[in-house]
Amino acid sequence: MTSQIQDLEKRIQKIEERNKKVEKDKVWETSIARKVIIAILTYLIIVLFFLVNHLPNPYVNALVPTLGFILSTLTLNILKELWMKEHSH
């Protein structure tokens, strides 16, 4: 019986450790810092693509997909909440 209790305690501890990791991951996934980093990297990669391919106005035109990303991250939470309300019944 003691062995079973110890086994259960170990399993509970593993679950709690996993939950802490999931909570940290969730904080990172929803953080402003992550969104800003992705937006900056998106902009830089697209500018580089435009420069390599000699496309016009690379610094200005790279703003379009970057702004698209930013807008999508702002609206996704709203749409997610609406969807969850509709499907929580």
PDB file of N, CA and C in Angstrom:
ATOM      1  N   MET A   1       0.821  -1.193   0.000  1.00  0.00           N
ATOM      2  CA  MET A   1       0.000   0.000   0.000  1.00  0.00           C
ATOM      3  C   MET A   1       0.869   1.263   0.000  1.00  0.00           C
ATOM      4  N   THR A   2       1.932   1.255   0.805  1.00  0.00           N
ATOM      5  CA  THR A   2       2.837   2.394   0.873  1.00  0.00           C
ATOM      6  C   THR A   2       3.483   2.651  -0.484  1.00  0.00           C
ATOM      7  N   SER A   3       3.826   1.596  -1.173  1.00  0.00           N
ATOM      8  CA  SER A   3       4.424   1.716  -2.501  1.00  0.00           C
ATOM      9  C   SER A   3       3.452   2.384  -3.475  1.00  0.00           C
ATOM     10  N   GLN A   4       2.190   2.030  -3.387  1.00  0.00           N
ATOM     11  CA  GLN A   4       1.174   2.625  -4.262  1.00  0.00           C
ATOM     12  C   GLN A   4       1.009   4.111  -3.960  1.00  0.00           C
ATOM     13  N   ILE A   5       1.035   4.465  -2.687  1.00  0.00           N
ATOM     14  CA  ILE A   5       0.903   5.872  -2.301  1.00  0.00           C
ATOM     15  C   ILE A   5       2.107   6.663  -2.801  1.00  0.00           C
ATOM     16  N   GLN A   6       3.298   6.102  -2.641  1.00  0.00           N
ATOM     17  CA  GLN A   6       4.504   6.771  -3.130  1.00  0.00           C
ATOM     18  C   GLN A   6       4.461   6.928  -4.646  1.00  0.00           C
ATOM     19  N   ASP A   7       3.966   5.907  -5.309  1.00  0.00           N
ATOM     20  CA  ASP A   7       3.832   5.953  -6.766  1.00  0.00           C
ATOM     21  C   ASP A   7       2.859   7.059  -7.177  1.00  0.00           C
ATOM     22  N   LEU A   8       1.744   7.149  -6.475  1.00  0.00           N
ATOM     23  CA  LEU A   8       0.762   8.203  -6.757  1.00  0.00           C
ATOM     24  C   LEU A   8       1.344   9.588  -6.480  1.00  0.00           C
ATOM     25  N   GLU A   9       2.091   9.719  -5.398  1.00  0.00           N
ATOM     26  CA  GLU A   9       2.715  11.002  -5.072  1.00  0.00           C
ATOM     27  C   GLU A   9       3.699  11.422  -6.160  1.00  0.00           C
ATOM     28  N   LYS A  10       4.470  10.472  -6.678  1.00  0.00           N
ATOM     29  CA  LYS A  10       5.408  10.764  -7.767  1.00  0.00           C
ATOM     30  C   LYS A  10       4.663  11.206  -9.021  1.00  0.00           C
ATOM     31  N   ARG A  11       3.573  10.520  -9.314  1.00  0.00           N
ATOM     32  CA  ARG A  11       2.778  10.867 -10.497  1.00  0.00           C
ATOM     33  C   ARG A  11       2.179  12.263 -10.352  1.00  0.00           C
ATOM     34  N   ILE A  12       1.686  12.567  -9.151  1.00  0.00           N
ATOM     35  CA  ILE A  12       1.119  13.893  -8.901  1.00  0.00           C
ATOM     36  C   ILE A  12       2.197  14.961  -9.042  1.00  0.00           C
ATOM     37  N   GLN A  13       3.378  14.690  -8.514  1.00  0.00           N
ATOM     38  CA  GLN A  13       4.484  15.638  -8.614  1.00  0.00           C
ATOM     39  C   GLN A  13       4.849  15.892 -10.083  1.00  0.00           C
ATOM     40  N   LYS A  14       4.891  14.843 -10.889  1.00  0.00           N
ATOM     41  CA  LYS A  14       5.193  14.997 -12.316  1.00  0.00           C
ATOM     42  C   LYS A  14       4.125  15.837 -13.015  1.00  0.00           C
ATOM     43  N   ILE A  15       2.869  15.597 -12.653  1.00  0.00           N
ATOM     44  CA  ILE A  15       1.768  16.367 -13.248  1.00  0.00           C
ATOM     45  C   ILE A  15       1.885  17.837 -12.858  1.00  0.00           C
ATOM     46  N   GLU A  16       2.192  18.107 -11.591  1.00  0.00           N
ATOM     47  CA  GLU A  16       2.341  19.489 -11.134  1.00  0.00           C
ATOM     48  C   GLU A  16       3.509  20.181 -11.830  1.00  0.00           C
ATOM     49  N   GLU A  17       4.622  19.469 -12.016  1.00  0.00           N
ATOM     50  CA  GLU A  17       5.770  20.032 -12.731  1.00  0.00           C
ATOM     51  C   GLU A  17       5.406  20.335 -14.181  1.00  0.00           C
ATOM     52  N   ARG A  18       4.685  19.422 -14.799  1.00  0.00           N
ATOM     53  CA  ARG A  18       4.251  19.631 -16.182  1.00  0.00           C
ATOM     54  C   ARG A  18       3.327  20.839 -16.272  1.00  0.00           C
ATOM     55  N   ASN A  19       2.407  20.962 -15.314  1.00  0.00           N
ATOM     56  CA  ASN A  19       1.479  22.093 -15.306  1.00  0.00           C
ATOM     57  C   ASN A  19       2.215  23.423 -15.174  1.00  0.00           C
ATOM     58  N   LYS A  20       3.260  23.468 -14.349  1.00  0.00           N
ATOM     59  CA  LYS A  20       4.054  24.689 -14.208  1.00  0.00           C
ATOM     60  C   LYS A  20       4.711  25.054 -15.532  1.00  0.00           C
ATOM     61  N   LYS A  21       5.240  24.047 -16.220  1.00  0.00           N
ATOM     62  CA  LYS A  21       5.876  24.295 -17.517  1.00  0.00           C
ATOM     63  C   LYS A  21       4.847  24.795 -18.531  1.00  0.00           C
ATOM     64  N   VAL A  22       3.674  24.182 -18.540  1.00  0.00           N
ATOM     65  CA  VAL A  22       2.613  24.591 -19.462  1.00  0.00           C
ATOM     66  C   VAL A  22       2.190  26.030 -19.168  1.00  0.00           C
ATOM     67  N   GLU A  23       2.088  26.380 -17.893  1.00  0.00           N
ATOM     68  CA  GLU A  23       1.715  27.744 -17.517  1.00  0.00           C
ATOM     69  C   GLU A  23       2.763  28.744 -17.986  1.00  0.00           C
ATOM     70  N   LYS A  24       4.049  28.419 -17.823  1.00  0.00           N
ATOM     71  CA  LYS A  24       5.119  29.302 -18.296  1.00  0.00           C
ATOM     72  C   LYS A  24       5.062  29.446 -19.810  1.00  0.00           C
ATOM     73  N   ASP A  25       4.861  28.333 -20.510  1.00  0.00           N
ATOM     74  CA  ASP A  25       4.756  28.374 -21.969  1.00  0.00           C
ATOM     75  C   ASP A  25       3.594  29.257 -22.403  1.00  0.00           C
ATOM     76  N   LYS A  26       2.476  29.164 -21.706  1.00  0.00           N
ATOM     77  CA  LYS A  26       1.288  29.960 -22.037  1.00  0.00           C
ATOM     78  C   LYS A  26       1.587  31.447 -21.854  1.00  0.00           C
ATOM     79  N   VAL A  27       2.282  31.793 -20.767  1.00  0.00           N
ATOM     80  CA  VAL A  27       2.641  33.193 -20.526  1.00  0.00           C
ATOM     81  C   VAL A  27       3.512  33.706 -21.671  1.00  0.00           C
ATOM     82  N   TRP A  28       4.488  32.911 -22.096  1.00  0.00           N
ATOM     83  CA  TRP A  28       5.354  33.308 -23.207  1.00  0.00           C
ATOM     84  C   TRP A  28       4.554  33.438 -24.500  1.00  0.00           C
ATOM     85  N   GLU A  29       3.703  32.457 -24.783  1.00  0.00           N
ATOM     86  CA  GLU A  29       2.930  32.455 -26.030  1.00  0.00           C
ATOM     87  C   GLU A  29       2.024  33.678 -26.152  1.00  0.00           C
ATOM     88  N   THR A  30       1.543  34.187 -25.039  1.00  0.00           N
ATOM     89  CA  THR A  30       0.619  35.318 -25.073  1.00  0.00           C
ATOM     90  C   THR A  30       1.296  36.644 -24.736  1.00  0.00           C
ATOM     91  N   SER A  31       2.611  36.642 -24.563  1.00  0.00           N
ATOM     92  CA  SER A  31       3.313  37.854 -24.134  1.00  0.00           C
ATOM     93  C   SER A  31       3.498  38.850 -25.276  1.00  0.00           C
ATOM     94  N   ILE A  32       3.530  40.106 -24.891  1.00  0.00           N
ATOM     95  CA  ILE A  32       3.810  41.178 -25.843  1.00  0.00           C
ATOM     96  C   ILE A  32       5.241  41.031 -26.373  1.00  0.00           C
ATOM     97  N   ALA A  33       6.163  40.640 -25.510  1.00  0.00           N
ATOM     98  CA  ALA A  33       7.567  40.490 -25.923  1.00  0.00           C
ATOM     99  C   ALA A  33       7.684  39.525 -27.095  1.00  0.00           C
ATOM    100  N   ARG A  34       6.993  38.407 -27.024  1.00  0.00           N
ATOM    101  CA  ARG A  34       7.037  37.417 -28.107  1.00  0.00           C
ATOM    102  C   ARG A  34       6.493  38.011 -29.401  1.00  0.00           C
ATOM    103  N   LYS A  35       5.382  38.724 -29.300  1.00  0.00           N
ATOM    104  CA  LYS A  35       4.773  39.317 -30.495  1.00  0.00           C
ATOM    105  C   LYS A  35       5.685  40.364 -31.118  1.00  0.00           C
ATOM    106  N   VAL A  36       6.323  41.172 -30.274  1.00  0.00           N
ATOM    107  CA  VAL A  36       7.241  42.197 -30.785  1.00  0.00           C
ATOM    108  C   VAL A  36       8.445  41.540 -31.460  1.00  0.00           C
ATOM    109  N   ILE A  37       9.004  40.525 -30.830  1.00  0.00           N
ATOM    110  CA  ILE A  37      10.156  39.822 -31.415  1.00  0.00           C
ATOM    111  C   ILE A  37       9.789  39.217 -32.767  1.00  0.00           C
ATOM    112  N   ILE A  38       8.630  38.570 -32.845  1.00  0.00           N
ATOM    113  CA  ILE A  38       8.207  37.968 -34.115  1.00  0.00           C
ATOM    114  C   ILE A  38       7.965  39.047 -35.165  1.00  0.00           C
ATOM    115  N   ALA A  39       7.364  40.165 -34.774  1.00  0.00           N
ATOM    116  CA  ALA A  39       7.115  41.252 -35.723  1.00  0.00           C
ATOM    117  C   ALA A  39       8.432  41.808 -36.263  1.00  0.00           C
ATOM    118  N   ILE A  40       9.401  42.012 -35.385  1.00  0.00           N
ATOM    119  CA  ILE A  40      10.709  42.530 -35.819  1.00  0.00           C
ATOM    120  C   ILE A  40      11.401  41.536 -36.748  1.00  0.00           C
ATOM    121  N   LEU A  41      11.403  40.265 -36.374  1.00  0.00           N
ATOM    122  CA  LEU A  41      12.028  39.249 -37.233  1.00  0.00           C
ATOM    123  C   LEU A  41      11.315  39.147 -38.579  1.00  0.00           C
ATOM    124  N   THR A  42       9.990  39.220 -38.559  1.00  0.00           N
ATOM    125  CA  THR A  42       9.218  39.190 -39.810  1.00  0.00           C
ATOM    126  C   THR A  42       9.630  40.343 -40.706  1.00  0.00           C
ATOM    127  N   TYR A  43       9.688  41.539 -40.134  1.00  0.00           N
ATOM    128  CA  TYR A  43      10.066  42.722 -40.898  1.00  0.00           C
ATOM    129  C   TYR A  43      11.468  42.568 -41.488  1.00  0.00           C
ATOM    130  N   LEU A  44      12.420  42.156 -40.670  1.00  0.00           N
ATOM    131  CA  LEU A  44      13.807  42.030 -41.140  1.00  0.00           C
ATOM    132  C   LEU A  44      13.953  40.983 -42.239  1.00  0.00           C
ATOM    133  N   ILE A  45      13.289  39.868 -42.086  1.00  0.00           N
ATOM    134  CA  ILE A  45      13.370  38.808 -43.103  1.00  0.00           C
ATOM    135  C   ILE A  45      12.757  39.275 -44.418  1.00  0.00           C
ATOM    136  N   ILE A  46      11.641  39.976 -44.334  1.00  0.00           N
ATOM    137  CA  ILE A  46      10.990  40.437 -45.565  1.00  0.00           C
ATOM    138  C   ILE A  46      11.806  41.546 -46.223  1.00  0.00           C
ATOM    139  N   VAL A  47      12.387  42.447 -45.431  1.00  0.00           N
ATOM    140  CA  VAL A  47      13.278  43.470 -45.999  1.00  0.00           C
ATOM    141  C   VAL A  47      14.437  42.792 -46.722  1.00  0.00           C
ATOM    142  N   LEU A  48      15.034  41.807 -46.086  1.00  0.00           N
ATOM    143  CA  LEU A  48      16.142  41.078 -46.708  1.00  0.00           C
ATOM    144  C   LEU A  48      15.698  40.431 -48.020  1.00  0.00           C
ATOM    145  N   PHE A  49      14.529  39.804 -48.008  1.00  0.00           N
ATOM    146  CA  PHE A  49      13.990  39.187 -49.226  1.00  0.00           C
ATOM    147  C   PHE A  49      13.818  40.232 -50.328  1.00  0.00           C
ATOM    148  N   PHE A  50      13.248  41.383 -49.973  1.00  0.00           N
ATOM    149  CA  PHE A  50      13.038  42.440 -50.963  1.00  0.00           C
ATOM    150  C   PHE A  50      14.372  42.959 -51.501  1.00  0.00           C
ATOM    151  N   LEU A  51      15.352  43.123 -50.627  1.00  0.00           N
ATOM    152  CA  LEU A  51      16.656  43.625 -51.063  1.00  0.00           C
ATOM    153  C   LEU A  51      17.350  42.636 -51.996  1.00  0.00           C
ATOM    154  N   VAL A  52      17.346  41.367 -51.630  1.00  0.00           N
ATOM    155  CA  VAL A  52      17.992  40.333 -52.446  1.00  0.00           C
ATOM    156  C   VAL A  52      17.350  40.249 -53.826  1.00  0.00           C
ATOM    157  N   ASN A  53      16.045  40.432 -53.883  1.00  0.00           N
ATOM    158  CA  ASN A  53      15.322  40.324 -55.152  1.00  0.00           C
ATOM    159  C   ASN A  53      15.145  41.662 -55.861  1.00  0.00           C
ATOM    160  N   HIS A  54      15.799  42.696 -55.351  1.00  0.00           N
ATOM    161  CA  HIS A  54      15.781  44.034 -55.960  1.00  0.00           C
ATOM    162  C   HIS A  54      14.357  44.538 -56.190  1.00  0.00           C
ATOM    163  N   LEU A  55      13.505  44.325 -55.217  1.00  0.00           N
ATOM    164  CA  LEU A  55      12.130  44.800 -55.305  1.00  0.00           C
ATOM    165  C   LEU A  55      12.066  46.239 -54.807  1.00  0.00           C
ATOM    166  N   PRO A  56      11.090  47.002 -55.291  1.00  0.00           N
ATOM    167  CA  PRO A  56      11.030  48.425 -54.932  1.00  0.00           C
ATOM    168  C   PRO A  56      10.632  48.649 -53.466  1.00  0.00           C
ATOM    169  N   ASN A  57      11.142  49.723 -52.915  1.00  0.00           N
ATOM    170  CA  ASN A  57      10.800  50.190 -51.562  1.00  0.00           C
ATOM    171  C   ASN A  57      10.781  49.080 -50.512  1.00  0.00           C
ATOM    172  N   PRO A  58      11.867  48.373 -50.328  1.00  0.00           N
ATOM    173  CA  PRO A  58      11.842  47.224 -49.416  1.00  0.00           C
ATOM    174  C   PRO A  58      11.486  47.589 -47.978  1.00  0.00           C
ATOM    175  N   TYR A  59      11.954  48.751 -47.516  1.00  0.00           N
ATOM    176  CA  TYR A  59      11.716  49.112 -46.118  1.00  0.00           C
ATOM    177  C   TYR A  59      10.257  49.478 -45.858  1.00  0.00           C
ATOM    178  N   VAL A  60       9.626  50.068 -46.839  1.00  0.00           N
ATOM    179  CA  VAL A  60       8.206  50.430 -46.696  1.00  0.00           C
ATOM    180  C   VAL A  60       7.320  49.222 -46.979  1.00  0.00           C
ATOM    181  N   ASN A  61       7.600  48.507 -48.058  1.00  0.00           N
ATOM    182  CA  ASN A  61       6.757  47.370 -48.440  1.00  0.00           C
ATOM    183  C   ASN A  61       6.816  46.219 -47.437  1.00  0.00           C
ATOM    184  N   ALA A  62       7.891  46.114 -46.691  1.00  0.00           N
ATOM    185  CA  ALA A  62       7.990  45.064 -45.673  1.00  0.00           C
ATOM    186  C   ALA A  62       7.062  45.336 -44.494  1.00  0.00           C
ATOM    187  N   LEU A  63       6.566  46.556 -44.406  1.00  0.00           N
ATOM    188  CA  LEU A  63       5.634  46.887 -43.319  1.00  0.00           C
ATOM    189  C   LEU A  63       4.288  46.183 -43.486  1.00  0.00           C
ATOM    190  N   VAL A  64       3.880  45.942 -44.731  1.00  0.00           N
ATOM    191  CA  VAL A  64       2.555  45.359 -44.981  1.00  0.00           C
ATOM    192  C   VAL A  64       2.393  43.992 -44.304  1.00  0.00           C
ATOM    193  N   PRO A  65       3.244  43.004 -44.573  1.00  0.00           N
ATOM    194  CA  PRO A  65       3.067  41.715 -43.899  1.00  0.00           C
ATOM    195  C   PRO A  65       3.311  41.798 -42.390  1.00  0.00           C
ATOM    196  N   THR A  66       4.196  42.699 -41.984  1.00  0.00           N
ATOM    197  CA  THR A  66       4.453  42.859 -40.550  1.00  0.00           C
ATOM    198  C   THR A  66       3.214  43.394 -39.850  1.00  0.00           C
ATOM    199  N   LEU A  67       2.587  44.394 -40.438  1.00  0.00           N
ATOM    200  CA  LEU A  67       1.345  44.927 -39.864  1.00  0.00           C
ATOM    201  C   LEU A  67       0.234  43.887 -39.912  1.00  0.00           C
ATOM    202  N   GLY A  68       0.225  43.077 -40.963  1.00  0.00           N
ATOM    203  CA  GLY A  68      -0.748  41.983 -41.039  1.00  0.00           C
ATOM    204  C   GLY A  68      -0.583  41.016 -39.881  1.00  0.00           C
ATOM    205  N   PHE A  69       0.661  40.698 -39.559  1.00  0.00           N
ATOM    206  CA  PHE A  69       0.918  39.819 -38.413  1.00  0.00           C
ATOM    207  C   PHE A  69       0.428  40.464 -37.123  1.00  0.00           C
ATOM    208  N   ILE A  70       0.763  41.723 -36.928  1.00  0.00           N
ATOM    209  CA  ILE A  70       0.369  42.415 -35.696  1.00  0.00           C
ATOM    210  C   ILE A  70      -1.150  42.458 -35.572  1.00  0.00           C
ATOM    211  N   LEU A  71      -1.835  42.796 -36.655  1.00  0.00           N
ATOM    212  CA  LEU A  71      -3.305  42.830 -36.619  1.00  0.00           C
ATOM    213  C   LEU A  71      -3.889  41.456 -36.341  1.00  0.00           C
ATOM    214  N   SER A  72      -3.291  40.431 -36.915  1.00  0.00           N
ATOM    215  CA  SER A  72      -3.821  39.083 -36.684  1.00  0.00           C
ATOM    216  C   SER A  72      -3.655  38.670 -35.228  1.00  0.00           C
ATOM    217  N   THR A  73      -2.545  39.056 -34.602  1.00  0.00           N
ATOM    218  CA  THR A  73      -2.361  38.691 -33.194  1.00  0.00           C
ATOM    219  C   THR A  73      -3.312  39.468 -32.297  1.00  0.00           C
ATOM    220  N   LEU A  74      -3.676  40.677 -32.706  1.00  0.00           N
ATOM    221  CA  LEU A  74      -4.614  41.462 -31.906  1.00  0.00           C
ATOM    222  C   LEU A  74      -6.028  40.921 -32.013  1.00  0.00           C
ATOM    223  N   THR A  75      -6.398  40.435 -33.194  1.00  0.00           N
ATOM    224  CA  THR A  75      -7.775  39.977 -33.390  1.00  0.00           C
ATOM    225  C   THR A  75      -7.977  38.509 -33.051  1.00  0.00           C
ATOM    226  N   LEU A  76      -6.912  37.722 -33.044  1.00  0.00           N
ATOM    227  CA  LEU A  76      -7.072  36.293 -32.775  1.00  0.00           C
ATOM    228  C   LEU A  76      -7.672  36.026 -31.401  1.00  0.00           C
ATOM    229  N   ASN A  77      -7.244  36.773 -30.385  1.00  0.00           N
ATOM    230  CA  ASN A  77      -7.798  36.563 -29.049  1.00  0.00           C
ATOM    231  C   ASN A  77      -9.285  36.878 -29.007  1.00  0.00           C
ATOM    232  N   ILE A  78      -9.688  37.932 -29.696  1.00  0.00           N
ATOM    233  CA  ILE A  78     -11.105  38.303 -29.743  1.00  0.00           C
ATOM    234  C   ILE A  78     -11.903  37.209 -30.438  1.00  0.00           C
ATOM    235  N   LEU A  79     -11.409  36.757 -31.588  1.00  0.00           N
ATOM    236  CA  LEU A  79     -12.103  35.704 -32.329  1.00  0.00           C
ATOM    237  C   LEU A  79     -12.119  34.393 -31.549  1.00  0.00           C
ATOM    238  N   LYS A  80     -11.033  34.103 -30.844  1.00  0.00           N
ATOM    239  CA  LYS A  80     -10.964  32.887 -30.029  1.00  0.00           C
ATOM    240  C   LYS A  80     -12.027  32.920 -28.933  1.00  0.00           C
ATOM    241  N   GLU A  81     -12.151  34.065 -28.262  1.00  0.00           N
ATOM    242  CA  GLU A  81     -13.157  34.189 -27.200  1.00  0.00           C
ATOM    243  C   GLU A  81     -14.569  34.029 -27.753  1.00  0.00           C
ATOM    244  N   LEU A  82     -14.836  34.631 -28.902  1.00  0.00           N
ATOM    245  CA  LEU A  82     -16.157  34.479 -29.526  1.00  0.00           C
ATOM    246  C   LEU A  82     -16.426  33.020 -29.875  1.00  0.00           C
ATOM    247  N   TRP A  83     -15.436  32.364 -30.441  1.00  0.00           N
ATOM    248  CA  TRP A  83     -15.581  30.960 -30.816  1.00  0.00           C
ATOM    249  C   TRP A  83     -15.833  30.105 -29.583  1.00  0.00           C
ATOM    250  N   MET A  84     -15.080  30.368 -28.513  1.00  0.00           N
ATOM    251  CA  MET A  84     -15.235  29.573 -27.293  1.00  0.00           C
ATOM    252  C   MET A  84     -16.620  29.767 -26.674  1.00  0.00           C
ATOM    253  N   LYS A  85     -17.156  30.984 -26.748  1.00  0.00           N
ATOM    254  CA  LYS A  85     -18.512  31.222 -26.235  1.00  0.00           C
ATOM    255  C   LYS A  85     -19.532  30.412 -27.022  1.00  0.00           C
ATOM    256  N   GLU A  86     -19.352  30.368 -28.332  1.00  0.00           N
ATOM    257  CA  GLU A  86     -20.285  29.638 -29.194  1.00  0.00           C
ATOM    258  C   GLU A  86     -20.207  28.130 -28.987  1.00  0.00           C
ATOM    259  N   HIS A  87     -19.032  27.632 -28.664  1.00  0.00           N
ATOM    260  CA  HIS A  87     -18.832  26.184 -28.584  1.00  0.00           C
ATOM    261  C   HIS A  87     -18.707  25.653 -27.158  1.00  0.00           C
ATOM    262  N   SER A  88     -19.059  26.460 -26.177  1.00  0.00           N
ATOM    263  CA  SER A  88     -18.935  26.012 -24.787  1.00  0.00           C
ATOM    264  C   SER A  88     -20.208  25.364 -24.264  1.00  0.00           C
ATOM    265  N   HIS A  89     -21.208  25.275 -25.074  1.00  0.00           N
ATOM    266  CA  HIS A  89     -22.497  24.709 -24.629  1.00  0.00           C
ATOM    267  C   HIS A  89     -22.443  23.225 -24.552  1.00  0.00           C
TER     268      HIS A  89
END
